[in-house]
Amino acid sequence: MYKQIAENKRRTIYIIIGFVLMIGAIAGIFAYVYGDWKIAVWTLIVAIAYAVFQYFYAGSLAVMMTGAKEIEKKDNPRFYNIVENLSITTGLPMPKVYIIDDQAPNAFASGRDPKHALVAATTGLLDIMDDKELTAVMAHEMSHVKNYDIRVSMIVFGLVCVIGLISDLAFRMMFYGNRRRNEEGSPVGYVLILVVAVLSPIVAAVAQMAVSRQREFLADASAVNITRYPEGMISALKKLQSHSQPMKSQNVAAEAMYINNPLRKSFLSNLLSSHPPIEKRIERLEHGKTTF
């Protein structure tokens, strides 16, 4: 567990450094095409400032994008008490508790560290889970908090957002840019911009998938260790599988934060999903019953 925490802390630093370097390379391409190296300098400055902002405020941005509303104990005593009990059991600070008004059963955790963490669940999840299953799901999310998975997913969330903006900007510059610059610019440069526009979303999706799949298996196992009841997690995953549906407010950048894929199912989304198939997660828990 401590090894996983240390690895996630290092991974956060690597991701941020990689982000700044990637933005620098993209800025160099734009500067080359438009013959103005001030573009590269200012883009790097903005990228570094954004990385710092992202570290401190990505959790709040995630809440805004998902439409989650913070609650107190009186608003939903059952849900709040389960999170509170898990906080005591795990020795973690009490996270902020949010509810998302959505019938798609799902949940997520976010924040930069356990002292600044939050957990959220949809109304659909609260409706279909019994107390033991809901405890297992929230133990899964608290495991993400304890393992510092939330920091990694939060940073990836922000970087995927900005990569999407870069890709959109590249396409706009390719097809709607100034005609004079189109005539004077280097054809090689515009090919590079096109490559950036096409590859950026793919790089973002692969990055999400790489940092998320194994941590879901670990969080499932950690939840069982916390609750000492494998059947609770297995039953919860089976309900997530049978009641799975896309969320009303969908955002590719936020996908990796959820316990279940919140996006509309398609061949490409399944291929690049940040989540392993639920049947594989259930299978691992079934095989591991004797070791928990």
C-alpha atoms as a PDB file:
ATOM      1  CA  MET A   1       0.000   0.000   0.000  1.00  0.00           C
ATOM      2  CA  TYR A   2       2.748   2.444   0.953  1.00  0.00           C
ATOM      3  CA  LYS A   3       4.558   1.550  -2.268  1.00  0.00           C
ATOM      4  CA  GLN A   4       1.397   2.400  -4.244  1.00  0.00           C
ATOM      5  CA  ILE A   5       1.056   5.748  -2.448  1.00  0.00           C
ATOM      6  CA  ALA A   6       4.692   6.669  -3.107  1.00  0.00           C
ATOM      7  CA  GLU A   7       4.351   5.601  -6.754  1.00  0.00           C
ATOM      8  CA  ASN A   8       1.238   7.749  -7.210  1.00  0.00           C
ATOM      9  CA  LYS A   9       2.996  10.784  -5.740  1.00  0.00           C
ATOM     10  CA  ARG A  10       5.910  10.301  -8.148  1.00  0.00           C
ATOM     11  CA  ARG A  11       3.539   9.672 -11.039  1.00  0.00           C
ATOM     12  CA  THR A  12       1.815  13.005 -10.397  1.00  0.00           C
ATOM     13  CA  ILE A  13       5.141  14.823 -10.753  1.00  0.00           C
ATOM     14  CA  TYR A  14       5.997  12.892 -13.928  1.00  0.00           C
ATOM     15  CA  ILE A  15       2.605  13.669 -15.474  1.00  0.00           C
ATOM     16  CA  ILE A  16       2.907  17.385 -14.758  1.00  0.00           C
ATOM     17  CA  ILE A  17       6.451  17.520 -16.149  1.00  0.00           C
ATOM     18  CA  GLY A  18       5.374  15.527 -19.191  1.00  0.00           C
ATOM     19  CA  PHE A  19       2.437  17.892 -19.695  1.00  0.00           C
ATOM     20  CA  VAL A  20       4.665  20.976 -19.631  1.00  0.00           C
ATOM     21  CA  LEU A  21       7.130  19.356 -22.064  1.00  0.00           C
ATOM     22  CA  MET A  22       4.346  18.279 -24.412  1.00  0.00           C
ATOM     23  CA  ILE A  23       2.796  21.750 -24.390  1.00  0.00           C
ATOM     24  CA  GLY A  24       6.266  23.186 -25.040  1.00  0.00           C
ATOM     25  CA  ALA A  25       6.692  20.925 -28.067  1.00  0.00           C
ATOM     26  CA  ILE A  26       3.256  21.855 -29.412  1.00  0.00           C
ATOM     27  CA  ALA A  27       3.993  25.548 -28.805  1.00  0.00           C
ATOM     28  CA  GLY A  28       7.214  25.121 -30.789  1.00  0.00           C
ATOM     29  CA  ILE A  29       5.213  23.762 -33.718  1.00  0.00           C
ATOM     30  CA  PHE A  30       2.829  26.714 -33.670  1.00  0.00           C
ATOM     31  CA  ALA A  31       5.747  29.155 -33.328  1.00  0.00           C
ATOM     32  CA  TYR A  32       7.497  27.528 -36.296  1.00  0.00           C
ATOM     33  CA  VAL A  33       4.388  27.712 -38.473  1.00  0.00           C
ATOM     34  CA  TYR A  34       3.664  31.356 -37.650  1.00  0.00           C
ATOM     35  CA  GLY A  35       7.281  32.479 -37.441  1.00  0.00           C
ATOM     36  CA  ASP A  36       6.900  33.979 -33.967  1.00  0.00           C
ATOM     37  CA  TRP A  37       8.789  32.332 -31.104  1.00  0.00           C
ATOM     38  CA  LYS A  38       7.023  34.521 -28.566  1.00  0.00           C
ATOM     39  CA  ILE A  39       4.149  32.074 -29.009  1.00  0.00           C
ATOM     40  CA  ALA A  40       6.295  29.284 -27.559  1.00  0.00           C
ATOM     41  CA  VAL A  41       7.507  31.384 -24.613  1.00  0.00           C
ATOM     42  CA  TRP A  42       4.049  32.592 -23.598  1.00  0.00           C
ATOM     43  CA  THR A  43       2.516  29.161 -24.093  1.00  0.00           C
ATOM     44  CA  LEU A  44       5.085  27.624 -21.753  1.00  0.00           C
ATOM     45  CA  ILE A  45       4.421  30.294 -19.133  1.00  0.00           C
ATOM     46  CA  VAL A  46       0.678  29.673 -19.380  1.00  0.00           C
ATOM     47  CA  ALA A  47       1.224  25.884 -19.261  1.00  0.00           C
ATOM     48  CA  ILE A  48       3.241  26.103 -16.039  1.00  0.00           C
ATOM     49  CA  ALA A  49       0.659  28.444 -14.483  1.00  0.00           C
ATOM     50  CA  TYR A  50      -2.112  26.078 -15.553  1.00  0.00           C
ATOM     51  CA  ALA A  51      -0.322  23.070 -14.031  1.00  0.00           C
ATOM     52  CA  VAL A  52      -0.083  24.885 -10.692  1.00  0.00           C
ATOM     53  CA  PHE A  53      -3.749  25.923 -10.889  1.00  0.00           C
ATOM     54  CA  GLN A  54      -4.701  22.390 -11.832  1.00  0.00           C
ATOM     55  CA  TYR A  55      -2.973  20.939  -8.782  1.00  0.00           C
ATOM     56  CA  PHE A  56      -4.967  23.092  -6.371  1.00  0.00           C
ATOM     57  CA  TYR A  57      -8.342  23.489  -8.079  1.00  0.00           C
ATOM     58  CA  ALA A  58      -8.986  20.471 -10.334  1.00  0.00           C
ATOM     59  CA  GLY A  59     -11.205  18.884  -7.684  1.00  0.00           C
ATOM     60  CA  SER A  60     -13.488  21.930  -7.673  1.00  0.00           C
ATOM     61  CA  LEU A  61     -13.587  21.940 -11.485  1.00  0.00           C
ATOM     62  CA  ALA A  62     -14.557  18.263 -11.489  1.00  0.00           C
ATOM     63  CA  VAL A  63     -17.444  18.992  -9.114  1.00  0.00           C
ATOM     64  CA  MET A  64     -18.664  21.831 -11.321  1.00  0.00           C
ATOM     65  CA  MET A  65     -18.506  19.718 -14.487  1.00  0.00           C
ATOM     66  CA  THR A  66     -20.354  16.769 -12.924  1.00  0.00           C
ATOM     67  CA  GLY A  67     -23.071  18.911 -11.337  1.00  0.00           C
ATOM     68  CA  ALA A  68     -22.429  17.431  -7.877  1.00  0.00           C
ATOM     69  CA  LYS A  69     -23.994  19.201  -4.872  1.00  0.00           C
ATOM     70  CA  GLU A  70     -22.393  19.132  -1.423  1.00  0.00           C
ATOM     71  CA  ILE A  71     -24.574  17.720   1.372  1.00  0.00           C
ATOM     72  CA  GLU A  72     -24.584  17.672   5.158  1.00  0.00           C
ATOM     73  CA  LYS A  73     -25.648  14.800   7.412  1.00  0.00           C
ATOM     74  CA  LYS A  74     -29.246  16.061   7.662  1.00  0.00           C
ATOM     75  CA  ASP A  75     -29.616  16.022   3.866  1.00  0.00           C
ATOM     76  CA  ASN A  76     -28.974  12.269   3.523  1.00  0.00           C
ATOM     77  CA  PRO A  77     -28.121  10.633   6.897  1.00  0.00           C
ATOM     78  CA  ARG A  78     -27.712   7.137   5.424  1.00  0.00           C
ATOM     79  CA  PHE A  79     -25.124   8.115   2.824  1.00  0.00           C
ATOM     80  CA  TYR A  80     -23.304  10.585   5.070  1.00  0.00           C
ATOM     81  CA  ASN A  81     -23.080   8.121   7.982  1.00  0.00           C
ATOM     82  CA  ILE A  82     -21.609   5.409   5.742  1.00  0.00           C
ATOM     83  CA  VAL A  83     -18.878   7.780   4.561  1.00  0.00           C
ATOM     84  CA  GLU A  84     -18.289   8.979   8.126  1.00  0.00           C
ATOM     85  CA  ASN A  85     -17.944   5.419   9.450  1.00  0.00           C
ATOM     86  CA  LEU A  86     -15.495   4.552   6.680  1.00  0.00           C
ATOM     87  CA  SER A  87     -13.488   7.666   7.490  1.00  0.00           C
ATOM     88  CA  ILE A  88     -13.156   6.464  11.093  1.00  0.00           C
ATOM     89  CA  THR A  89     -12.361   2.888  10.020  1.00  0.00           C
ATOM     90  CA  THR A  90      -9.632   3.910   7.580  1.00  0.00           C
ATOM     91  CA  GLY A  91      -8.230   6.686   9.781  1.00  0.00           C
ATOM     92  CA  LEU A  92      -8.708   9.220   6.987  1.00  0.00           C
ATOM     93  CA  PRO A  93      -9.985  12.779   7.419  1.00  0.00           C
ATOM     94  CA  MET A  94     -13.706  13.103   6.732  1.00  0.00           C
ATOM     95  CA  PRO A  95     -14.063  14.034   3.035  1.00  0.00           C
ATOM     96  CA  LYS A  96     -16.691  16.396   1.700  1.00  0.00           C
ATOM     97  CA  VAL A  97     -19.762  14.475   0.563  1.00  0.00           C
ATOM     98  CA  TYR A  98     -21.604  15.204  -2.689  1.00  0.00           C
ATOM     99  CA  ILE A  99     -24.644  13.848  -4.510  1.00  0.00           C
ATOM    100  CA  ILE A 100     -25.162  13.986  -8.284  1.00  0.00           C
ATOM    101  CA  ASP A 101     -28.763  14.088  -9.496  1.00  0.00           C
ATOM    102  CA  ASP A 102     -28.507  11.337 -12.100  1.00  0.00           C
ATOM    103  CA  GLN A 103     -30.244   7.959 -12.384  1.00  0.00           C
ATOM    104  CA  ALA A 104     -27.098   6.301 -13.802  1.00  0.00           C
ATOM    105  CA  PRO A 105     -25.524   4.471 -10.831  1.00  0.00           C
ATOM    106  CA  ASN A 106     -22.000   5.784 -10.313  1.00  0.00           C
ATOM    107  CA  ALA A 107     -19.598   7.319  -7.800  1.00  0.00           C
ATOM    108  CA  PHE A 108     -16.225   9.045  -7.737  1.00  0.00           C
ATOM    109  CA  ALA A 109     -13.614  10.540  -5.430  1.00  0.00           C
ATOM    110  CA  SER A 110     -11.415  13.561  -6.103  1.00  0.00           C
ATOM    111  CA  GLY A 111      -9.022  15.999  -4.463  1.00  0.00           C
ATOM    112  CA  ARG A 112      -5.283  16.545  -4.223  1.00  0.00           C
ATOM    113  CA  ASP A 113      -4.750  14.611  -0.957  1.00  0.00           C
ATOM    114  CA  PRO A 114      -6.766  13.014   1.888  1.00  0.00           C
ATOM    115  CA  LYS A 115      -7.056  16.366   3.696  1.00  0.00           C
ATOM    116  CA  HIS A 116      -8.689  17.959   0.653  1.00  0.00           C
ATOM    117  CA  ALA A 117     -10.734  15.017  -0.618  1.00  0.00           C
ATOM    118  CA  LEU A 118     -14.348  14.603  -1.636  1.00  0.00           C
ATOM    119  CA  VAL A 119     -16.560  11.655  -2.505  1.00  0.00           C
ATOM    120  CA  ALA A 120     -19.701  11.729  -4.598  1.00  0.00           C
ATOM    121  CA  ALA A 121     -22.458   9.324  -5.579  1.00  0.00           C
ATOM    122  CA  THR A 122     -25.361   9.592  -7.988  1.00  0.00           C
ATOM    123  CA  THR A 123     -28.971   9.362  -6.875  1.00  0.00           C
ATOM    124  CA  GLY A 124     -29.210   6.275  -9.078  1.00  0.00           C
ATOM    125  CA  LEU A 125     -26.465   4.550  -7.066  1.00  0.00           C
ATOM    126  CA  LEU A 126     -28.078   5.439  -3.727  1.00  0.00           C
ATOM    127  CA  ASP A 127     -31.411   4.077  -4.958  1.00  0.00           C
ATOM    128  CA  ILE A 128     -30.256   0.610  -6.052  1.00  0.00           C
ATOM    129  CA  MET A 129     -27.586  -0.234  -3.451  1.00  0.00           C
ATOM    130  CA  ASP A 130     -28.387  -1.694  -0.047  1.00  0.00           C
ATOM    131  CA  ASP A 131     -26.292  -0.553   2.913  1.00  0.00           C
ATOM    132  CA  LYS A 132     -23.608  -3.241   2.556  1.00  0.00           C
ATOM    133  CA  GLU A 133     -23.233  -2.607  -1.172  1.00  0.00           C
ATOM    134  CA  LEU A 134     -23.127   1.169  -0.714  1.00  0.00           C
ATOM    135  CA  THR A 135     -20.519   0.723   2.018  1.00  0.00           C
ATOM    136  CA  ALA A 136     -18.422  -1.370  -0.376  1.00  0.00           C
ATOM    137  CA  VAL A 137     -18.672   1.255  -3.151  1.00  0.00           C
ATOM    138  CA  MET A 138     -17.688   4.080  -0.824  1.00  0.00           C
ATOM    139  CA  ALA A 139     -14.877   1.950   0.639  1.00  0.00           C
ATOM    140  CA  HIS A 140     -13.661   1.639  -2.961  1.00  0.00           C
ATOM    141  CA  GLU A 141     -13.697   5.434  -3.276  1.00  0.00           C
ATOM    142  CA  MET A 142     -12.025   5.941   0.111  1.00  0.00           C
ATOM    143  CA  SER A 143      -9.305   3.546  -1.083  1.00  0.00           C
ATOM    144  CA  HIS A 144      -8.652   5.900  -3.986  1.00  0.00           C
ATOM    145  CA  VAL A 145      -8.288   8.689  -1.432  1.00  0.00           C
ATOM    146  CA  LYS A 146      -5.925   6.688   0.777  1.00  0.00           C
ATOM    147  CA  ASN A 147      -3.796   5.499  -2.151  1.00  0.00           C
ATOM    148  CA  TYR A 148      -3.538   9.039  -3.614  1.00  0.00           C
ATOM    149  CA  ASP A 149      -5.198   7.773  -6.789  1.00  0.00           C
ATOM    150  CA  ILE A 150      -7.364  10.881  -6.540  1.00  0.00           C
ATOM    151  CA  ARG A 151      -4.356  13.112  -7.125  1.00  0.00           C
ATOM    152  CA  VAL A 152      -3.313  11.239 -10.265  1.00  0.00           C
ATOM    153  CA  SER A 153      -6.833  11.110 -11.713  1.00  0.00           C
ATOM    154  CA  MET A 154      -7.387  14.776 -10.845  1.00  0.00           C
ATOM    155  CA  ILE A 155      -4.253  15.853 -12.697  1.00  0.00           C
ATOM    156  CA  VAL A 156      -5.102  13.633 -15.679  1.00  0.00           C
ATOM    157  CA  PHE A 157      -8.629  15.102 -15.682  1.00  0.00           C
ATOM    158  CA  GLY A 158      -7.265  18.624 -16.044  1.00  0.00           C
ATOM    159  CA  LEU A 159      -4.683  17.697 -18.642  1.00  0.00           C
ATOM    160  CA  VAL A 160      -7.228  15.873 -20.788  1.00  0.00           C
ATOM    161  CA  CYS A 161      -9.376  19.028 -20.694  1.00  0.00           C
ATOM    162  CA  VAL A 162      -6.540  21.210 -21.971  1.00  0.00           C
ATOM    163  CA  ILE A 163      -5.483  18.639 -24.585  1.00  0.00           C
ATOM    164  CA  GLY A 164      -9.031  18.755 -25.940  1.00  0.00           C
ATOM    165  CA  LEU A 165      -8.775  22.533 -26.224  1.00  0.00           C
ATOM    166  CA  ILE A 166      -5.421  22.270 -27.995  1.00  0.00           C
ATOM    167  CA  SER A 167      -6.803  19.755 -30.477  1.00  0.00           C
ATOM    168  CA  ASP A 168      -9.811  21.980 -31.206  1.00  0.00           C
ATOM    169  CA  LEU A 169      -7.552  25.027 -31.616  1.00  0.00           C
ATOM    170  CA  ALA A 170      -5.303  23.138 -34.024  1.00  0.00           C
ATOM    171  CA  PHE A 171      -8.248  22.166 -36.219  1.00  0.00           C
ATOM    172  CA  ARG A 172      -9.553  25.719 -36.233  1.00  0.00           C
ATOM    173  CA  MET A 173      -6.144  27.078 -37.215  1.00  0.00           C
ATOM    174  CA  MET A 174      -5.910  24.514 -39.987  1.00  0.00           C
ATOM    175  CA  PHE A 175      -9.256  25.247 -41.614  1.00  0.00           C
ATOM    176  CA  TYR A 176     -10.259  28.739 -40.514  1.00  0.00           C
ATOM    177  CA  GLY A 177      -6.950  30.530 -40.157  1.00  0.00           C
ATOM    178  CA  ASN A 178      -5.890  33.701 -41.872  1.00  0.00           C
ATOM    179  CA  ARG A 179      -5.610  33.202 -45.658  1.00  0.00           C
ATOM    180  CA  ARG A 180      -2.401  35.168 -45.991  1.00  0.00           C
ATOM    181  CA  ARG A 181      -0.675  33.008 -43.409  1.00  0.00           C
ATOM    182  CA  ASN A 182      -2.017  29.913 -45.083  1.00  0.00           C
ATOM    183  CA  GLU A 183      -0.334  31.034 -48.271  1.00  0.00           C
ATOM    184  CA  GLU A 184       2.931  32.020 -46.644  1.00  0.00           C
ATOM    185  CA  GLY A 185       3.213  29.329 -43.974  1.00  0.00           C
ATOM    186  CA  SER A 186       5.212  26.152 -44.330  1.00  0.00           C
ATOM    187  CA  PRO A 187       3.245  23.135 -45.622  1.00  0.00           C
ATOM    188  CA  VAL A 188       5.323  20.936 -43.305  1.00  0.00           C
ATOM    189  CA  GLY A 189       4.229  23.082 -40.373  1.00  0.00           C
ATOM    190  CA  TYR A 190       0.577  22.686 -41.205  1.00  0.00           C
ATOM    191  CA  VAL A 191       1.015  18.934 -41.510  1.00  0.00           C
ATOM    192  CA  LEU A 192       2.502  18.972 -38.010  1.00  0.00           C
ATOM    193  CA  ILE A 193      -0.473  20.940 -36.700  1.00  0.00           C
ATOM    194  CA  LEU A 194      -2.808  18.389 -38.256  1.00  0.00           C
ATOM    195  CA  VAL A 195      -0.851  15.579 -36.574  1.00  0.00           C
ATOM    196  CA  VAL A 196      -1.174  17.398 -33.231  1.00  0.00           C
ATOM    197  CA  ALA A 197      -4.933  17.809 -33.737  1.00  0.00           C
ATOM    198  CA  VAL A 198      -5.442  14.136 -34.520  1.00  0.00           C
ATOM    199  CA  LEU A 199      -3.028  12.555 -32.042  1.00  0.00           C
ATOM    200  CA  SER A 200      -3.679  14.731 -28.970  1.00  0.00           C
ATOM    201  CA  PRO A 201      -7.046  13.161 -28.038  1.00  0.00           C
ATOM    202  CA  ILE A 202      -5.623   9.677 -28.602  1.00  0.00           C
ATOM    203  CA  VAL A 203      -2.647  10.427 -26.340  1.00  0.00           C
ATOM    204  CA  ALA A 204      -5.041  11.741 -23.689  1.00  0.00           C
ATOM    205  CA  ALA A 205      -7.213   8.621 -23.855  1.00  0.00           C
ATOM    206  CA  VAL A 206      -4.231   6.289 -23.629  1.00  0.00           C
ATOM    207  CA  ALA A 207      -2.876   8.273 -20.664  1.00  0.00           C
ATOM    208  CA  GLN A 208      -6.203   7.915 -18.862  1.00  0.00           C
ATOM    209  CA  MET A 209      -6.335   4.206 -19.575  1.00  0.00           C
ATOM    210  CA  ALA A 210      -2.755   3.639 -18.421  1.00  0.00           C
ATOM    211  CA  VAL A 211      -3.205   5.294 -15.026  1.00  0.00           C
ATOM    212  CA  SER A 212      -6.677   3.961 -14.280  1.00  0.00           C
ATOM    213  CA  ARG A 213      -7.162   0.299 -15.116  1.00  0.00           C
ATOM    214  CA  GLN A 214      -4.894  -1.314 -12.523  1.00  0.00           C
ATOM    215  CA  ARG A 215      -5.911   1.104  -9.788  1.00  0.00           C
ATOM    216  CA  GLU A 216      -9.555  -0.010 -10.144  1.00  0.00           C
ATOM    217  CA  PHE A 217      -8.557  -3.598  -9.383  1.00  0.00           C
ATOM    218  CA  LEU A 218      -6.537  -2.407  -6.386  1.00  0.00           C
ATOM    219  CA  ALA A 219      -9.374  -0.223  -5.073  1.00  0.00           C
ATOM    220  CA  ASP A 220     -11.817  -3.163  -5.330  1.00  0.00           C
ATOM    221  CA  ALA A 221      -9.457  -5.347  -3.296  1.00  0.00           C
ATOM    222  CA  SER A 222      -8.784  -2.537  -0.804  1.00  0.00           C
ATOM    223  CA  ALA A 223     -12.528  -2.051  -0.317  1.00  0.00           C
ATOM    224  CA  VAL A 224     -12.861  -5.719   0.592  1.00  0.00           C
ATOM    225  CA  ASN A 225      -9.987  -5.404   3.067  1.00  0.00           C
ATOM    226  CA  ILE A 226     -11.718  -2.428   4.684  1.00  0.00           C
ATOM    227  CA  THR A 227     -15.201  -3.982   4.912  1.00  0.00           C
ATOM    228  CA  ARG A 228     -14.067  -7.610   5.418  1.00  0.00           C
ATOM    229  CA  TYR A 229     -17.015  -8.593   3.252  1.00  0.00           C
ATOM    230  CA  PRO A 230     -16.136  -9.616  -0.331  1.00  0.00           C
ATOM    231  CA  GLU A 231     -19.770 -10.313  -1.209  1.00  0.00           C
ATOM    232  CA  GLY A 232     -20.648  -6.661  -0.680  1.00  0.00           C
ATOM    233  CA  MET A 233     -18.204  -5.466  -3.356  1.00  0.00           C
ATOM    234  CA  ILE A 234     -19.069  -8.324  -5.699  1.00  0.00           C
ATOM    235  CA  SER A 235     -22.804  -7.664  -5.360  1.00  0.00           C
ATOM    236  CA  ALA A 236     -22.270  -3.910  -5.877  1.00  0.00           C
ATOM    237  CA  LEU A 237     -20.287  -4.520  -9.072  1.00  0.00           C
ATOM    238  CA  LYS A 238     -22.973  -6.882 -10.371  1.00  0.00           C
ATOM    239  CA  LYS A 239     -25.605  -4.187  -9.835  1.00  0.00           C
ATOM    240  CA  LEU A 240     -23.397  -1.613 -11.568  1.00  0.00           C
ATOM    241  CA  GLN A 241     -23.111  -4.017 -14.483  1.00  0.00           C
ATOM    242  CA  SER A 242     -26.818  -4.809 -14.752  1.00  0.00           C
ATOM    243  CA  HIS A 243     -27.990  -1.206 -14.241  1.00  0.00           C
ATOM    244  CA  SER A 244     -25.220   0.449 -16.255  1.00  0.00           C
ATOM    245  CA  GLN A 245     -26.266   3.451 -18.341  1.00  0.00           C
ATOM    246  CA  PRO A 246     -24.553   6.620 -19.574  1.00  0.00           C
ATOM    247  CA  MET A 247     -24.761   9.642 -17.309  1.00  0.00           C
ATOM    248  CA  LYS A 248     -26.727  12.713 -18.392  1.00  0.00           C
ATOM    249  CA  SER A 249     -23.720  14.996 -18.046  1.00  0.00           C
ATOM    250  CA  GLN A 250     -20.927  13.216 -19.881  1.00  0.00           C
ATOM    251  CA  ASN A 251     -17.333  14.379 -20.038  1.00  0.00           C
ATOM    252  CA  VAL A 252     -14.470  12.312 -21.403  1.00  0.00           C
ATOM    253  CA  ALA A 253     -11.992  14.103 -19.148  1.00  0.00           C
ATOM    254  CA  ALA A 254     -13.845  13.001 -15.994  1.00  0.00           C
ATOM    255  CA  GLU A 255     -14.267   9.364 -17.053  1.00  0.00           C
ATOM    256  CA  ALA A 256     -11.290   8.011 -15.100  1.00  0.00           C
ATOM    257  CA  MET A 257     -12.618   9.318 -11.777  1.00  0.00           C
ATOM    258  CA  TYR A 258     -15.754   7.153 -11.733  1.00  0.00           C
ATOM    259  CA  ILE A 259     -16.156   3.620 -10.392  1.00  0.00           C
ATOM    260  CA  ASN A 260     -17.930   2.676 -13.631  1.00  0.00           C
ATOM    261  CA  ASN A 261     -17.560   4.067 -17.162  1.00  0.00           C
ATOM    262  CA  PRO A 262     -20.028   6.987 -17.341  1.00  0.00           C
ATOM    263  CA  LEU A 263     -19.900   7.376 -21.130  1.00  0.00           C
ATOM    264  CA  ARG A 264     -22.194   6.098 -23.827  1.00  0.00           C
ATOM    265  CA  LYS A 265     -20.998   2.676 -24.930  1.00  0.00           C
ATOM    266  CA  SER A 266     -19.342   2.260 -28.323  1.00  0.00           C
ATOM    267  CA  PHE A 267     -16.549   0.139 -29.766  1.00  0.00           C
ATOM    268  CA  LEU A 268     -14.022   2.968 -29.506  1.00  0.00           C
ATOM    269  CA  SER A 269     -15.071   4.010 -25.985  1.00  0.00           C
ATOM    270  CA  ASN A 270     -14.790   0.410 -24.796  1.00  0.00           C
ATOM    271  CA  LEU A 271     -11.390   0.022 -26.444  1.00  0.00           C
ATOM    272  CA  LEU A 272      -9.940   3.173 -24.850  1.00  0.00           C
ATOM    273  CA  SER A 273     -11.925   3.015 -21.610  1.00  0.00           C
ATOM    274  CA  SER A 274     -10.048   3.863 -18.437  1.00  0.00           C
ATOM    275  CA  HIS A 275     -11.964   1.058 -16.688  1.00  0.00           C
ATOM    276  CA  PRO A 276     -11.373  -2.690 -16.932  1.00  0.00           C
ATOM    277  CA  PRO A 277     -14.514  -4.720 -17.741  1.00  0.00           C
ATOM    278  CA  ILE A 278     -16.673  -5.220 -14.649  1.00  0.00           C
ATOM    279  CA  GLU A 279     -16.787  -8.968 -15.252  1.00  0.00           C
ATOM    280  CA  LYS A 280     -12.984  -9.054 -14.924  1.00  0.00           C
ATOM    281  CA  ARG A 281     -13.182  -7.124 -11.659  1.00  0.00           C
ATOM    282  CA  ILE A 282     -15.803  -9.539 -10.307  1.00  0.00           C
ATOM    283  CA  GLU A 283     -13.707 -12.504 -11.427  1.00  0.00           C
ATOM    284  CA  ARG A 284     -10.655 -11.232  -9.529  1.00  0.00           C
ATOM    285  CA  LEU A 285     -12.668 -10.719  -6.369  1.00  0.00           C
ATOM    286  CA  GLU A 286     -14.210 -14.192  -6.644  1.00  0.00           C
ATOM    287  CA  HIS A 287     -10.759 -15.758  -7.047  1.00  0.00           C
ATOM    288  CA  GLY A 288      -9.363 -13.728  -4.164  1.00  0.00           C
ATOM    289  CA  LYS A 289     -12.030 -14.532  -1.587  1.00  0.00           C
ATOM    290  CA  THR A 290      -9.794 -16.927   0.309  1.00  0.00           C
ATOM    291  CA  THR A 291      -6.948 -14.387   0.599  1.00  0.00           C
ATOM    292  CA  PHE A 292      -8.908 -11.387   1.896  1.00  0.00           C
END
